Amino acid sequence: MMSSDTDHEPMEDGASGAIPRLTKKAWALVIVGLILLTGVAAWFGFDQADQDARWNTVGFEVISPTEMDITFDVYLYTDEVVECQVRAMNVSFAEVGVTIIEVDPADGVEQRITTPITTVEEATTAEVNYCHVPG
């Protein structure tokens, strides 16, 4: 089978598929952008590393229209007592109950806590709002 020149479409000028090279100004902008992104990532990382505690919600259970239990893990990074605020929310994510729990590092730096939350109406979800050293 013979191939003729009409089987191939001619390439348009500048459509060779080659990637254009960046100018010096473009490279400078890329480097400045990378430096800025690295700085922002480091700032967020150091901000998170400076916390007194971190937490992870494990689950929750609706006990009745006026009470629910929440289970969460706390990881302490301080030798002081930490207060954790947990809250229950309704279907519209409006806060319908709040409880503050004191977590003592003498009981361990990693703790799983289950606590009840009294609510003013039936809650559909619960979460840890924050944990910090009071004062």
Protein backbone atom coordinates (compact mmCIF):
# COMPACT_ATOMS: atom_id res chain seq x y z
CA MET A 1 0.00 0.00 0.00
CA MET A 2 1.46 3.27 -1.02
CA SER A 3 1.14 6.47 0.90
CA SER A 4 0.72 9.74 -0.82
CA ASP A 5 1.45 13.25 0.40
CA THR A 6 -2.25 14.02 0.43
CA ASP A 7 -2.77 11.59 3.33
CA HIS A 8 -0.94 13.92 5.71
CA GLU A 9 -2.27 17.28 6.72
CA PRO A 10 0.29 20.07 6.55
CA MET A 11 1.43 21.57 9.87
CA GLU A 12 0.42 25.10 10.53
CA ASP A 13 3.13 27.59 11.35
CA GLY A 14 3.88 27.61 15.09
CA ALA A 15 1.80 24.49 15.78
CA SER A 16 4.76 22.17 16.18
CA GLY A 17 3.63 21.08 19.66
CA ALA A 18 6.74 22.55 21.28
CA ILE A 19 6.24 24.16 24.67
CA PRO A 20 7.20 27.83 24.61
CA ARG A 21 10.09 28.83 26.84
CA LEU A 22 9.49 31.21 29.76
CA THR A 23 11.00 34.64 29.71
CA LYS A 24 13.22 35.85 32.55
CA LYS A 25 10.31 37.91 33.87
CA ALA A 26 8.00 34.87 33.84
CA TRP A 27 10.61 32.77 35.69
CA ALA A 28 10.98 35.52 38.29
CA LEU A 29 7.20 35.53 38.81
CA VAL A 30 7.15 31.73 39.14
CA ILE A 31 9.93 31.83 41.75
CA VAL A 32 8.26 34.64 43.71
CA GLY A 33 4.97 32.71 43.62
CA LEU A 34 6.62 29.55 44.93
CA ILE A 35 8.32 31.49 47.73
CA LEU A 36 4.99 33.07 48.72
CA LEU A 37 3.16 29.72 48.67
CA THR A 38 5.90 28.13 50.80
CA GLY A 39 5.65 31.02 53.28
CA VAL A 40 1.86 30.71 53.56
CA ALA A 41 2.09 26.93 54.06
CA ALA A 42 4.75 27.39 56.76
CA TRP A 43 2.64 30.05 58.49
CA PHE A 44 -0.39 27.71 58.62
CA GLY A 45 1.81 24.85 59.81
CA PHE A 46 3.39 26.84 62.64
CA ASP A 47 -0.04 28.19 63.64
CA GLN A 48 -1.40 24.65 63.94
CA ALA A 49 1.69 23.45 65.80
CA ASP A 50 1.19 26.15 68.45
CA GLN A 51 -2.13 24.69 69.68
CA ASP A 52 -2.67 23.47 73.23
CA ALA A 53 -4.60 20.45 71.98
CA ARG A 54 -6.09 18.91 68.89
CA TRP A 55 -9.21 16.80 68.69
CA ASN A 56 -11.09 14.41 66.47
CA THR A 57 -14.82 13.71 66.70
CA VAL A 58 -15.37 9.95 66.80
CA GLY A 59 -19.18 9.90 66.83
CA PHE A 60 -22.40 10.90 68.51
CA GLU A 61 -25.68 9.32 69.55
CA VAL A 62 -29.09 10.94 70.03
CA ILE A 63 -30.38 9.68 73.39
CA SER A 64 -33.65 11.67 73.50
CA PRO A 65 -35.05 14.94 72.11
CA THR A 66 -33.24 16.75 74.95
CA GLU A 67 -29.97 14.82 75.21
CA MET A 68 -27.22 13.37 73.07
CA ASP A 69 -23.79 11.85 73.69
CA ILE A 70 -20.62 12.81 71.84
CA THR A 71 -17.41 10.79 71.73
CA PHE A 72 -14.16 12.47 70.76
CA ASP A 73 -10.40 12.00 71.04
CA VAL A 74 -8.20 14.72 72.54
CA TYR A 75 -4.43 14.96 72.08
CA LEU A 76 -2.83 17.32 74.60
CA TYR A 77 0.34 19.36 73.97
CA THR A 78 0.45 21.12 77.34
CA ASP A 79 0.84 20.26 81.02
CA GLU A 80 -2.15 22.42 81.96
CA VAL A 81 -5.84 21.53 82.14
CA VAL A 82 -7.57 22.10 78.78
CA GLU A 83 -11.21 23.09 78.32
CA CYS A 84 -13.06 21.63 75.35
CA GLN A 85 -16.37 23.07 74.22
CA VAL A 86 -18.66 20.56 72.52
CA ARG A 87 -21.90 21.58 70.88
CA ALA A 88 -25.00 19.92 69.52
CA MET A 89 -26.75 21.26 66.43
CA ASN A 90 -30.13 20.75 64.84
CA VAL A 91 -30.94 20.00 61.21
CA SER A 92 -30.36 23.69 60.32
CA PHE A 93 -26.94 23.59 62.05
CA ALA A 94 -28.23 25.95 64.73
CA GLU A 95 -26.60 25.37 68.10
CA VAL A 96 -29.11 23.67 70.45
CA GLY A 97 -26.79 22.57 73.25
CA VAL A 98 -23.31 23.33 74.61
CA THR A 99 -21.12 21.63 77.21
CA ILE A 100 -17.62 22.48 78.40
CA ILE A 101 -15.40 19.58 79.44
CA GLU A 102 -12.15 19.91 81.41
CA VAL A 103 -9.44 17.54 80.23
CA ASP A 104 -6.62 16.87 82.70
CA PRO A 105 -3.25 15.87 81.20
CA ALA A 106 -2.64 13.77 84.35
CA ASP A 107 -5.11 11.28 82.81
CA GLY A 108 -2.92 10.94 79.71
CA VAL A 109 -1.91 13.00 76.70
CA GLU A 110 -4.28 10.99 74.47
CA GLN A 111 -7.81 10.54 75.79
CA ARG A 112 -11.14 9.31 74.40
CA ILE A 113 -14.02 11.15 76.03
CA THR A 114 -17.75 10.44 75.89
CA THR A 115 -19.96 13.11 77.42
CA PRO A 116 -23.66 14.00 77.37
CA ILE A 117 -24.93 17.28 75.93
CA THR A 118 -28.27 18.64 77.16
CA THR A 119 -30.24 20.18 74.29
CA VAL A 120 -33.27 22.48 74.00
CA GLU A 121 -34.59 20.52 71.00
CA GLU A 122 -33.64 17.37 69.17
CA ALA A 123 -30.11 17.57 67.81
CA THR A 124 -28.97 15.85 64.63
CA THR A 125 -25.20 16.30 64.96
CA ALA A 126 -22.50 17.19 67.47
CA GLU A 127 -18.93 18.42 67.23
CA VAL A 128 -16.03 19.74 69.25
CA ASN A 129 -16.01 23.50 68.79
CA TYR A 130 -12.59 24.12 70.36
CA CYS A 131 -10.07 22.98 72.99
CA HIS A 132 -7.71 25.42 74.73
CA VAL A 133 -6.08 26.33 78.02
CA PRO A 134 -8.49 28.73 79.78
CA GLY A 135 -7.34 32.19 80.71
